[in-house]
Amino acid sequence: MFITQTLRRAVQLNGAGVATVFEGRRQTWREFENRVARLAGGLIGLGVKAGERVAILSLNSDRYLEYFYAVPWAGAAVNPVNIRLAVPEIAYTLNDSGSTVLLVDDTFAALLPALRDQLKTVRHVIFAGDGSKPEGCLDYESFIEASGPVADANVGGDELAGLFYTGGTTGRSKGVMLSHDNLVFNALNVVAEMGYDRDSVYMHAGPMFHLADMASTFAVTLAAGTHCIVPKFDVDAVLGLIQQEKVTNTLLVPTMVNLLASSGRIGDFDVGSMKRMLYGASPMPEAVLLSAMEQMPTVAFAQGYGQTEASPIITSLGPEFHVPGGAKLRSAGRAALGVEVAIMDTNGDELERGSVGQICARGGNVMLGYWGMEAETAEALHRGWLHTGDLGYMDDEGFVFIVDRAKDMVISGGENIFSVEVEGAIYSHPAVQECAVIGIPDDRWGEAVHAVVVLGEGGEAAESDIIDHCREKIAGYKVPRSVEFRSEPLPISGAGKILKNELRSPYWEGSQKKVN
């Protein structure tokens, strides 16, 4: 399979149809293909060779989508950089990947003076913004205009399509190697799950560097639909675009759904065009989901569970199971098309249904491995199965229930306590806007359950209120022993995941290990 084939199909099926909409700019699929072929020609003219990595550090835009197609059109591989990284981390990503060309927009051009001296392999920087071109950069539009279109390199199959660095929320960032087969296989799954066709209008509201949003990037193109893009998530911008462009589909991570549902703004916009909303990338508190479903009753909600190493979809839970009080609502759904899922013990043997173990998967979506990390690759792909690091169980009907990240589980007094379950209880308190549960050192119990809470606007609650509320919802040993209130939003990764390692670190300073 070939990533660029999805574009050629879109041109065949819907050449005069709208390909992208971004801040007043619109282009058809034929125009999009021409710009992609020219950008690819320009990259080859800069000396980019087959298999080399071309990086981008940018907010969402139509040019970001052009990058995703021009790089494979030139026979190279993409390296979309996490926009939340600090300069040393960005430099590590670029150097570790061996990226030779870097695209930046207005927002991240400001980092170039601090970044340039740390770069070892980047030879050229292309400014893909709309402001003044920084010194030493090539201008994106001039670059395309001056470059002639080239024929598609027709690179595909098991060839490297891109390096996608993990967020590093639980350790050192790894470069996940995904092939053309991986990404197109996943796109076919998403087309089926989301029901994309040429009339679909998909909104990129999550960061385009992340596989959660990218799951639909190639799928929407494959279906010859339309990409509508906002630079970054903003409640009014998202609702405004849905109303203006009659958006039919989108993906939001749970933190975004939470902001949307708690904003009080949904009723101020016409969101009647929305057909389906996919959510994923981190655990969804049931209280948040139910609130969103209540406020958008015409929207069919669907969940996708997965990770970067799986391109990313592993399981899906369709709208038919999104019923308040439904037995499957708390599940992550069943194995996606062509994906096999099993729950395994620490030896890599499959467990009986209902037993908690590590969620494992195999199929055409599973990564080639980690860039330059043979030992980590062997561990992650033990016996040919991707070991996700997530803990869960499977019921008799094949539905997977996620209980926690293995590294987020709290062990207190010898009992395993899953932070996701405790967070679900806290989120059901009407005053809570956001929360995270972590384990902190405790001399008596080893670890104690600690909750970090952000209250919603006008919300009032004391530590005792949160603890008493949890006692009504979950077993006593799972109830938080302490509650910390914050006035600012919790730290999140570029993909919208709460950075629990940052919340834990002050409590574990001076300790050689993060368990007690």
Protein backbone atom coordinates (compact mmCIF):
# COMPACT_ATOMS: atom_id res chain seq x y z
CA MET A 1 0.00 0.00 0.00
CA PHE A 2 1.12 3.55 -0.75
CA ILE A 3 0.27 6.75 1.14
CA THR A 4 0.31 8.76 -2.08
CA GLN A 5 -2.21 6.38 -3.65
CA THR A 6 -4.83 7.79 -1.28
CA LEU A 7 -4.22 11.23 -2.84
CA ARG A 8 -4.31 9.97 -6.42
CA ARG A 9 -7.62 8.26 -5.63
CA ALA A 10 -9.06 11.48 -4.22
CA VAL A 11 -8.15 13.32 -7.42
CA GLN A 12 -9.77 10.60 -9.54
CA LEU A 13 -12.97 10.53 -7.49
CA ASN A 14 -13.37 14.18 -6.57
CA GLY A 15 -10.79 16.29 -8.39
CA ALA A 16 -12.94 19.42 -8.42
CA GLY A 17 -14.08 18.88 -4.83
CA VAL A 18 -12.74 20.90 -1.91
CA ALA A 19 -9.63 19.32 -0.42
CA THR A 20 -8.67 21.79 2.30
CA VAL A 21 -10.19 24.75 4.12
CA PHE A 22 -7.94 26.84 6.34
CA GLU A 23 -8.36 30.46 7.47
CA GLY A 24 -9.87 31.70 4.20
CA ARG A 25 -7.77 29.49 1.92
CA ARG A 26 -9.52 26.77 -0.10
CA GLN A 27 -8.20 24.42 -2.74
CA THR A 28 -9.49 21.53 -4.80
CA TRP A 29 -7.96 18.06 -4.85
CA ARG A 30 -6.38 18.76 -8.27
CA GLU A 31 -4.82 21.96 -6.97
CA PHE A 32 -3.67 20.16 -3.85
CA GLU A 33 -1.99 17.40 -5.88
CA ASN A 34 -0.17 19.94 -8.03
CA ARG A 35 1.22 21.74 -4.98
CA VAL A 36 2.25 18.42 -3.45
CA ALA A 37 4.12 17.43 -6.63
CA ARG A 38 5.88 20.82 -6.68
CA LEU A 39 6.83 20.69 -3.02
CA ALA A 40 8.20 17.18 -3.57
CA GLY A 41 10.20 18.48 -6.53
CA GLY A 42 11.62 21.25 -4.39
CA LEU A 43 12.65 18.81 -1.65
CA ILE A 44 14.43 16.62 -4.19
CA GLY A 45 16.12 19.74 -5.50
CA LEU A 46 17.45 20.38 -1.99
CA GLY A 47 19.11 16.98 -2.10
CA VAL A 48 16.53 15.00 -0.12
CA LYS A 49 17.11 11.35 -0.97
CA ALA A 50 14.88 8.30 -0.76
CA GLY A 51 14.25 7.32 2.85
CA GLU A 52 15.63 10.54 4.36
CA ARG A 53 13.60 12.25 7.05
CA VAL A 54 11.92 15.61 6.58
CA ALA A 55 10.61 17.22 9.78
CA ILE A 56 7.92 19.77 10.56
CA LEU A 57 7.37 21.86 13.70
CA SER A 58 4.12 23.71 13.27
CA LEU A 59 0.58 24.31 14.38
CA ASN A 60 -2.15 22.79 12.21
CA SER A 61 -2.56 24.19 8.70
CA ASP A 62 -3.30 23.25 5.10
CA ARG A 63 0.46 23.32 4.50
CA TYR A 64 0.87 20.65 7.17
CA LEU A 65 -1.36 18.37 5.10
CA GLU A 66 0.65 19.18 1.95
CA TYR A 67 3.80 18.18 3.84
CA PHE A 68 2.29 14.81 4.76
CA TYR A 69 1.88 14.00 1.07
CA ALA A 70 4.82 15.79 -0.53
CA VAL A 71 7.41 13.96 1.58
CA PRO A 72 6.33 10.43 0.53
CA TRP A 73 5.75 11.75 -3.01
CA ALA A 74 9.48 12.55 -2.97
CA GLY A 75 10.25 9.08 -1.59
CA ALA A 76 11.27 10.36 1.86
CA ALA A 77 9.85 9.85 5.37
CA VAL A 78 8.06 12.33 7.63
CA ASN A 79 9.03 13.36 11.16
CA PRO A 80 6.21 15.46 12.69
CA VAL A 81 7.63 17.06 15.83
CA ASN A 82 5.66 17.32 19.06
CA ILE A 83 4.82 21.01 19.48
CA ARG A 84 4.95 20.85 23.28
CA LEU A 85 8.62 19.91 23.48
CA ALA A 86 11.32 22.21 24.83
CA VAL A 87 14.19 23.26 22.58
CA PRO A 88 16.63 20.53 23.78
CA GLU A 89 13.92 17.90 23.25
CA ILE A 90 13.16 19.21 19.76
CA ALA A 91 16.86 19.10 18.94
CA TYR A 92 17.04 15.52 20.21
CA THR A 93 14.14 14.49 17.97
CA LEU A 94 15.68 16.11 14.90
CA ASN A 95 19.18 14.80 15.53
CA ASP A 96 18.11 11.30 16.54
CA SER A 97 15.98 10.97 13.40
CA GLY A 98 18.69 12.41 11.18
CA SER A 99 16.21 14.88 9.66
CA THR A 100 17.78 16.90 6.86
CA VAL A 101 15.04 19.47 6.22
CA LEU A 102 12.83 21.25 8.76
CA LEU A 103 9.60 23.14 8.10
CA VAL A 104 8.49 25.72 10.69
CA ASP A 105 5.55 28.13 10.94
CA ASP A 106 5.24 31.58 12.49
CA THR A 107 4.80 30.21 16.01
CA PHE A 108 7.93 28.06 16.04
CA ALA A 109 10.20 30.20 13.89
CA ALA A 110 10.87 32.08 17.12
CA LEU A 111 12.74 29.01 18.41
CA LEU A 112 15.20 28.91 15.52
CA PRO A 113 17.91 31.13 17.10
CA ALA A 114 18.06 28.82 20.14
CA LEU A 115 17.71 25.69 18.06
CA ARG A 116 20.14 26.17 15.19
CA ASP A 117 23.38 25.60 17.11
CA GLN A 118 22.06 22.29 18.47
CA LEU A 119 21.14 20.78 15.10
CA LYS A 120 23.56 18.25 13.62
CA THR A 121 21.79 16.99 10.49
CA VAL A 122 19.31 19.66 9.36
CA ARG A 123 20.66 21.33 6.21
CA HIS A 124 17.70 23.50 5.21
CA VAL A 125 14.84 25.25 7.03
CA ILE A 126 11.64 26.13 5.15
CA PHE A 127 9.40 28.82 6.62
CA ALA A 128 5.80 27.66 6.13
CA GLY A 129 4.17 30.58 7.93
CA ASP A 130 2.43 33.72 6.68
CA GLY A 131 4.54 36.36 8.42
CA SER A 132 8.00 37.69 7.63
CA LYS A 133 10.50 35.04 6.57
CA PRO A 134 13.25 34.55 9.17
CA GLU A 135 16.84 35.03 8.06
CA GLY A 136 18.41 31.92 6.58
CA CYS A 137 15.10 30.24 5.71
CA LEU A 138 13.44 29.39 2.42
CA ASP A 139 9.96 30.79 1.89
CA TYR A 140 7.35 28.02 1.47
CA GLU A 141 5.20 29.64 -1.22
CA SER A 142 8.17 30.92 -3.22
CA PHE A 143 9.76 27.49 -2.89
CA ILE A 144 6.69 25.78 -4.38
CA GLU A 145 6.31 28.37 -7.14
CA ALA A 146 9.95 27.98 -8.19
CA SER A 147 9.85 24.17 -8.17
CA GLY A 148 8.59 22.01 -11.01
CA PRO A 149 6.27 19.10 -10.28
CA VAL A 150 7.81 15.64 -10.17
CA ALA A 151 6.30 12.22 -10.66
CA ASP A 152 5.25 10.26 -7.60
CA ALA A 153 8.17 8.17 -6.32
CA ASN A 154 5.69 5.32 -5.69
CA VAL A 155 7.35 4.33 -2.44
CA GLY A 156 5.18 2.07 -0.33
CA GLY A 157 4.74 -1.29 1.37
CA ASP A 158 7.17 -1.99 4.21
CA GLU A 159 9.26 1.09 3.40
CA LEU A 160 9.56 3.61 6.23
CA ALA A 161 6.82 6.24 5.93
CA GLY A 162 7.68 8.18 9.05
CA LEU A 163 9.15 8.44 12.52
CA PHE A 164 6.64 9.34 15.19
CA TYR A 165 8.19 10.10 18.56
CA THR A 166 6.25 9.00 21.60
CA GLY A 167 5.22 11.72 24.01
CA GLY A 168 7.61 10.61 26.74
CA THR A 169 4.84 10.77 29.40
CA THR A 170 6.28 7.65 31.05
CA GLY A 171 9.93 7.75 29.99
CA ARG A 172 12.38 8.58 27.22
CA SER A 173 10.82 9.47 23.88
CA LYS A 174 11.16 6.74 21.25
CA GLY A 175 11.01 7.07 17.47
CA VAL A 176 8.24 4.75 16.32
CA MET A 177 8.89 3.50 12.79
CA LEU A 178 5.68 3.20 10.80
CA SER A 179 5.52 1.91 7.24
CA HIS A 180 3.22 2.84 4.36
CA ASP A 181 1.39 -0.45 4.91
CA ASN A 182 0.89 0.43 8.60
CA LEU A 183 -0.64 3.84 7.94
CA VAL A 184 -2.84 2.89 4.99
CA PHE A 185 -4.03 -0.27 6.77
CA ASN A 186 -5.09 1.97 9.65
CA ALA A 187 -6.75 4.45 7.25
CA LEU A 188 -8.92 1.66 5.85
CA ASN A 189 -10.00 0.81 9.39
CA VAL A 190 -10.90 4.42 10.14
CA VAL A 191 -12.91 4.82 6.92
CA ALA A 192 -15.02 1.87 8.04
CA GLU A 193 -15.34 3.11 11.64
CA MET A 194 -16.16 6.74 10.82
CA GLY A 195 -18.15 6.13 7.64
CA TYR A 196 -16.09 8.57 5.57
CA ASP A 197 -17.06 9.31 1.95
CA ARG A 198 -16.62 12.18 -0.50
CA ASP A 199 -19.30 14.20 1.32
CA SER A 200 -17.45 13.98 4.65
CA VAL A 201 -16.09 17.22 6.10
CA TYR A 202 -13.49 16.40 8.75
CA MET A 203 -12.21 18.99 11.22
CA HIS A 204 -8.58 18.77 12.37
CA ALA A 205 -8.87 20.17 15.90
CA GLY A 206 -6.35 17.90 17.61
CA PRO A 207 -2.67 18.46 16.82
CA MET A 208 -1.81 17.16 13.36
CA PHE A 209 1.57 15.83 14.50
CA HIS A 210 -0.17 13.21 16.63
CA LEU A 211 -1.41 9.83 15.40
CA ALA A 212 -4.80 10.34 17.08
CA ASP A 213 -5.68 13.05 14.58
CA MET A 214 -3.52 11.53 11.86
CA ALA A 215 -5.70 8.40 11.96
CA SER A 216 -8.16 10.43 9.91
CA THR A 217 -5.61 12.36 7.83
CA PHE A 218 -5.07 9.57 5.32
CA ALA A 219 -8.57 8.12 5.77
CA VAL A 220 -10.38 11.33 4.77
CA THR A 221 -8.13 11.67 1.73
CA LEU A 222 -8.75 8.02 0.84
CA ALA A 223 -12.48 8.78 0.87
CA ALA A 224 -11.98 12.01 -1.15
CA GLY A 225 -13.62 14.10 1.58
CA THR A 226 -12.70 17.58 2.81
CA HIS A 227 -10.14 18.60 5.45
CA CYS A 228 -11.15 21.63 7.55
CA ILE A 229 -8.39 22.81 9.84
CA VAL A 230 -8.06 25.00 12.93
CA PRO A 231 -4.51 25.94 14.05
CA LYS A 232 -5.11 24.59 17.55
CA PHE A 233 -8.02 23.66 19.77
CA ASP A 234 -10.16 26.57 20.92
CA VAL A 235 -13.79 26.11 21.95
CA ASP A 236 -15.21 29.01 19.94
CA ALA A 237 -12.97 28.34 16.93
CA VAL A 238 -14.03 24.70 16.84
CA LEU A 239 -17.73 25.41 17.25
CA GLY A 240 -17.52 28.27 14.75
CA LEU A 241 -15.89 26.09 12.11
CA ILE A 242 -18.48 23.34 12.59
CA GLN A 243 -21.22 25.90 12.00
CA GLN A 244 -19.52 27.68 9.09
CA GLU A 245 -18.28 24.68 7.08
CA LYS A 246 -20.96 22.15 8.09
CA VAL A 247 -18.36 19.82 9.60
CA THR A 248 -19.56 16.21 9.74
CA ASN A 249 -16.74 14.44 11.60
CA THR A 250 -13.93 15.16 14.01
CA LEU A 251 -11.68 13.63 16.63
CA LEU A 252 -11.21 15.20 20.04
CA VAL A 253 -9.10 13.91 22.90
CA PRO A 254 -10.87 13.70 26.29
CA THR A 255 -9.38 16.95 27.60
CA MET A 256 -10.88 18.74 24.58
CA VAL A 257 -14.26 17.05 25.01
CA ASN A 258 -14.15 18.14 28.65
CA LEU A 259 -13.44 21.77 27.71
CA LEU A 260 -16.22 21.69 25.12
CA ALA A 261 -18.79 20.09 27.42
CA SER A 262 -18.03 22.42 30.34
CA SER A 263 -17.84 25.61 28.24
CA GLY A 264 -21.57 26.39 28.16
CA ARG A 265 -21.06 27.46 24.53
CA ILE A 266 -22.37 24.50 22.54
CA GLY A 267 -25.93 25.84 22.47
CA ASP A 268 -24.72 29.13 20.96
CA PHE A 269 -23.71 27.43 17.68
CA ASP A 270 -25.42 25.29 15.06
CA VAL A 271 -23.70 21.92 15.30
CA GLY A 272 -26.45 20.02 13.52
CA SER A 273 -24.15 19.00 10.65
CA MET A 274 -22.01 16.86 12.97
CA LYS A 275 -22.58 13.17 12.37
CA ARG A 276 -19.85 11.44 14.31
CA MET A 277 -17.24 12.37 16.89
CA LEU A 278 -14.36 10.02 17.59
CA TYR A 279 -12.56 10.36 20.88
CA GLY A 280 -9.41 8.68 22.14
CA ALA A 281 -5.70 9.09 23.01
CA SER A 282 -6.31 8.95 26.78
CA PRO A 283 -8.98 7.67 29.20
CA MET A 284 -12.40 9.34 28.92
CA PRO A 285 -14.14 9.98 32.26
CA GLU A 286 -17.70 8.66 31.97
CA ALA A 287 -19.18 11.81 33.52
CA VAL A 288 -17.55 13.97 30.82
CA LEU A 289 -18.73 11.67 28.04
CA LEU A 290 -22.32 11.63 29.32
CA SER A 291 -22.34 15.43 29.55
CA ALA A 292 -21.12 15.77 25.96
CA MET A 293 -23.65 13.22 24.72
CA GLU A 294 -26.46 15.08 26.48
CA GLN A 295 -25.48 18.43 24.99
CA MET A 296 -25.01 17.05 21.47
CA PRO A 297 -27.78 14.46 21.19
CA THR A 298 -27.63 14.25 17.38
CA VAL A 299 -23.91 13.37 17.32
CA ALA A 300 -22.93 9.71 17.17
CA PHE A 301 -19.97 9.24 19.51
CA ALA A 302 -17.35 6.57 18.88
CA GLN A 303 -14.18 5.62 20.72
CA GLY A 304 -10.87 4.57 19.27
CA TYR A 305 -8.28 2.98 21.55
CA GLY A 306 -4.70 2.51 20.45
CA GLN A 307 -1.21 3.96 20.52
CA THR A 308 1.45 5.31 18.22
CA GLU A 309 3.02 1.86 17.88
CA ALA A 310 -0.25 0.61 16.34
CA SER A 311 -0.69 3.41 13.78
CA PRO A 312 -2.78 3.93 16.11
CA ILE A 313 -6.16 2.07 16.24
CA ILE A 314 -6.37 -1.23 18.16
CA THR A 315 -10.01 -1.37 19.25
CA SER A 316 -13.13 0.66 18.56
CA LEU A 317 -16.45 1.19 20.29
CA GLY A 318 -19.21 2.25 17.90
CA PRO A 319 -22.12 4.63 18.50
CA GLU A 320 -24.53 1.74 19.08
CA PHE A 321 -22.79 1.07 22.39
CA HIS A 322 -22.82 4.70 23.53
CA VAL A 323 -25.97 4.36 25.61
CA PRO A 324 -26.14 5.98 29.07
CA GLY A 325 -25.97 3.18 31.59
CA GLY A 326 -25.08 0.69 28.87
CA ALA A 327 -23.00 -2.32 29.87
CA LYS A 328 -20.33 -1.61 27.26
CA LEU A 329 -20.06 2.17 27.62
CA ARG A 330 -17.02 1.89 29.89
CA SER A 331 -15.24 -0.44 27.49
CA ALA A 332 -12.78 0.47 24.74
CA GLY A 333 -14.70 -1.69 22.30
CA ARG A 334 -13.59 -4.68 20.29
CA ALA A 335 -10.66 -5.38 17.99
CA ALA A 336 -10.59 -3.18 14.90
CA LEU A 337 -10.82 -4.80 11.47
CA GLY A 338 -7.79 -6.97 10.79
CA VAL A 339 -6.43 -6.53 14.31
CA GLU A 340 -6.08 -9.33 16.85
CA VAL A 341 -6.19 -8.46 20.56
CA ALA A 342 -5.25 -10.58 23.58
CA ILE A 343 -4.79 -10.03 27.32
CA MET A 344 -1.47 -11.51 28.45
CA ASP A 345 0.40 -12.15 31.67
CA THR A 346 3.99 -11.14 32.38
CA ASN A 347 5.27 -14.24 30.58
CA GLY A 348 3.43 -13.40 27.38
CA ASP A 349 0.76 -16.09 27.80
CA GLU A 350 -2.90 -15.31 27.14
CA LEU A 351 -5.13 -15.00 30.19
CA GLU A 352 -8.67 -16.19 30.72
CA ARG A 353 -11.51 -13.79 29.96
CA GLY A 354 -12.08 -11.37 32.83
CA SER A 355 -8.49 -11.55 34.10
CA VAL A 356 -6.49 -8.31 34.22
CA GLY A 357 -3.25 -8.33 32.26
CA GLN A 358 -1.39 -6.41 29.60
CA ILE A 359 -3.31 -5.54 26.43
CA CYS A 360 -1.46 -6.92 23.39
CA ALA A 361 -2.18 -6.68 19.67
CA ARG A 362 -0.95 -7.84 16.30
CA GLY A 363 -1.90 -7.04 12.73
CA GLY A 364 -0.91 -4.95 9.73
CA ASN A 365 -1.08 -1.81 11.84
CA VAL A 366 1.78 -2.76 14.19
CA MET A 367 5.01 -0.76 13.88
CA LEU A 368 8.25 -1.86 12.30
CA GLY A 369 10.00 -1.10 15.60
CA TYR A 370 11.74 1.70 17.49
CA TRP A 371 14.34 3.76 15.66
CA GLY A 372 17.81 2.69 16.79
CA MET A 373 16.45 0.75 19.80
CA GLU A 374 16.74 -2.95 19.14
CA ALA A 375 16.36 -4.07 22.76
CA GLU A 376 13.25 -1.94 23.31
CA THR A 377 11.81 -3.17 20.01
CA ALA A 378 12.34 -6.81 21.01
CA GLU A 379 10.63 -6.17 24.34
CA ALA A 380 7.65 -4.35 22.83
CA LEU A 381 7.17 -6.94 20.06
CA HIS A 382 7.77 -10.04 22.19
CA ARG A 383 6.58 -13.20 20.40
CA GLY A 384 5.23 -11.08 17.55
CA TRP A 385 2.71 -9.25 19.72
CA LEU A 386 2.74 -5.53 20.46
CA HIS A 387 2.77 -5.12 24.24
CA THR A 388 0.97 -1.84 24.85
CA GLY A 389 1.90 -1.23 28.50
CA ASP A 390 -1.82 -0.82 29.24
CA LEU A 391 -3.62 -3.02 31.74
CA GLY A 392 -7.09 -4.35 31.00
CA TYR A 393 -9.35 -7.34 30.66
CA MET A 394 -11.60 -8.79 27.96
CA ASP A 395 -15.15 -9.99 28.55
CA ASP A 396 -16.82 -13.02 26.98
CA GLU A 397 -18.01 -10.93 24.00
CA GLY A 398 -14.54 -9.63 23.14
CA PHE A 399 -14.97 -6.15 24.61
CA VAL A 400 -11.76 -4.75 26.10
CA PHE A 401 -11.93 -2.80 29.37
CA ILE A 402 -8.89 -0.68 30.16
CA VAL A 403 -8.08 -0.32 33.83
CA ASP A 404 -4.88 1.72 33.72
CA ARG A 405 -1.46 2.32 32.29
CA ALA A 406 0.88 -0.18 33.92
CA LYS A 407 3.03 2.71 35.17
CA ASP A 408 0.02 4.68 36.47
CA MET A 409 -1.23 1.91 38.74
CA VAL A 410 -0.91 2.71 42.45
CA ILE A 411 0.08 -0.14 44.79
CA SER A 412 -1.06 0.73 48.30
CA GLY A 413 -0.89 -1.78 51.14
CA GLY A 414 -0.41 -4.56 48.62
CA GLU A 415 -3.60 -3.65 46.73
CA ASN A 416 -3.55 -2.67 43.06
CA ILE A 417 -5.46 0.59 42.60
CA PHE A 418 -6.20 1.77 39.07
CA SER A 419 -5.98 5.54 38.78
CA VAL A 420 -8.53 5.64 35.95
CA GLU A 421 -11.24 4.24 38.23
CA VAL A 422 -10.52 6.77 40.97
CA GLU A 423 -10.45 9.61 38.44
CA GLY A 424 -13.84 8.49 37.15
CA ALA A 425 -15.28 8.82 40.66
CA ILE A 426 -13.76 12.28 41.12
CA TYR A 427 -14.96 13.52 37.72
CA SER A 428 -18.54 12.69 38.72
CA HIS A 429 -18.37 15.44 41.37
CA PRO A 430 -20.21 18.45 39.89
CA ALA A 431 -17.56 20.98 40.94
CA VAL A 432 -14.63 19.19 39.29
CA GLN A 433 -13.29 20.43 35.96
CA GLU A 434 -10.14 18.31 35.72
CA CYS A 435 -8.28 15.76 37.81
CA ALA A 436 -5.42 13.29 37.88
CA VAL A 437 -4.67 10.54 40.38
CA ILE A 438 -1.10 9.51 41.20
CA GLY A 439 0.73 7.43 43.76
CA ILE A 440 2.96 9.25 46.25
CA PRO A 441 5.34 7.77 48.87
CA ASP A 442 3.77 6.66 52.13
CA ASP A 443 5.72 5.14 55.05
CA ARG A 444 2.83 2.94 56.16
CA TRP A 445 1.21 1.86 52.88
CA GLY A 446 4.15 2.11 50.49
CA GLU A 447 2.18 4.38 48.18
CA ALA A 448 -0.85 6.52 48.90
CA VAL A 449 -3.54 7.61 46.47
CA HIS A 450 -3.21 11.35 45.82
CA ALA A 451 -5.60 13.41 43.70
CA VAL A 452 -4.75 16.64 41.91
CA VAL A 453 -7.95 18.57 41.17
CA VAL A 454 -8.93 21.67 39.21
CA LEU A 455 -12.38 23.00 40.00
CA GLY A 456 -14.67 24.39 37.33
CA GLU A 457 -15.59 28.07 37.21
CA GLY A 458 -17.73 28.83 40.24
CA GLY A 459 -17.19 25.33 41.62
CA GLU A 460 -16.58 24.86 45.34
CA ALA A 461 -15.24 21.78 47.11
CA ALA A 462 -12.90 21.04 49.98
CA GLU A 463 -10.60 18.06 50.36
CA SER A 464 -13.14 16.34 52.59
CA ASP A 465 -15.88 16.85 49.99
CA ILE A 466 -13.88 15.04 47.30
CA ILE A 467 -12.92 12.21 49.66
CA ASP A 468 -16.50 11.76 50.92
CA HIS A 469 -17.82 11.79 47.35
CA CYS A 470 -15.37 9.07 46.36
CA ARG A 471 -16.38 6.92 49.34
CA GLU A 472 -19.87 6.75 47.85
CA LYS A 473 -18.51 5.57 44.49
CA ILE A 474 -15.59 3.23 45.11
CA ALA A 475 -14.12 0.92 47.76
CA GLY A 476 -12.51 2.54 50.77
CA TYR A 477 -8.96 1.44 49.98
CA LYS A 478 -9.19 3.21 46.59
CA VAL A 479 -10.32 6.55 48.02
CA PRO A 480 -7.71 9.36 47.82
CA ARG A 481 -5.80 9.88 51.05
CA SER A 482 -5.04 13.47 50.05
CA VAL A 483 -6.32 16.05 47.58
CA GLU A 484 -4.37 18.94 46.09
CA PHE A 485 -6.28 21.79 44.45
CA ARG A 486 -4.81 23.80 41.58
CA SER A 487 -6.10 26.96 39.96
CA GLU A 488 -4.32 26.41 36.65
CA PRO A 489 -5.02 23.60 34.12
CA LEU A 490 -3.00 20.44 34.63
CA PRO A 491 0.12 20.03 32.45
CA ILE A 492 -0.61 18.23 29.20
CA SER A 493 1.36 16.80 26.32
CA GLY A 494 0.96 18.05 22.77
CA ALA A 495 -1.62 15.33 22.26
CA GLY A 496 -3.71 16.46 25.22
CA LYS A 497 -2.64 13.77 27.70
CA ILE A 498 -2.10 14.82 31.30
CA LEU A 499 1.59 14.59 32.15
CA LYS A 500 1.43 12.53 35.32
CA ASN A 501 5.22 12.25 35.43
CA GLU A 502 5.37 16.02 36.06
CA LEU A 503 2.76 15.72 38.81
CA ARG A 504 4.65 12.84 40.46
CA SER A 505 8.18 14.22 40.27
CA PRO A 506 8.06 16.63 43.28
CA TYR A 507 6.97 13.76 45.54
CA TRP A 508 9.69 11.37 44.37
CA GLU A 509 12.68 13.73 44.38
CA GLY A 510 15.78 12.01 45.70
CA SER A 511 14.35 8.55 45.13
CA GLN A 512 16.08 6.22 42.67
CA LYS A 513 12.78 4.57 41.76
CA LYS A 514 9.24 5.83 41.30
CA VAL A 515 7.53 3.12 43.32
CA ASN A 516 7.69 2.56 47.07
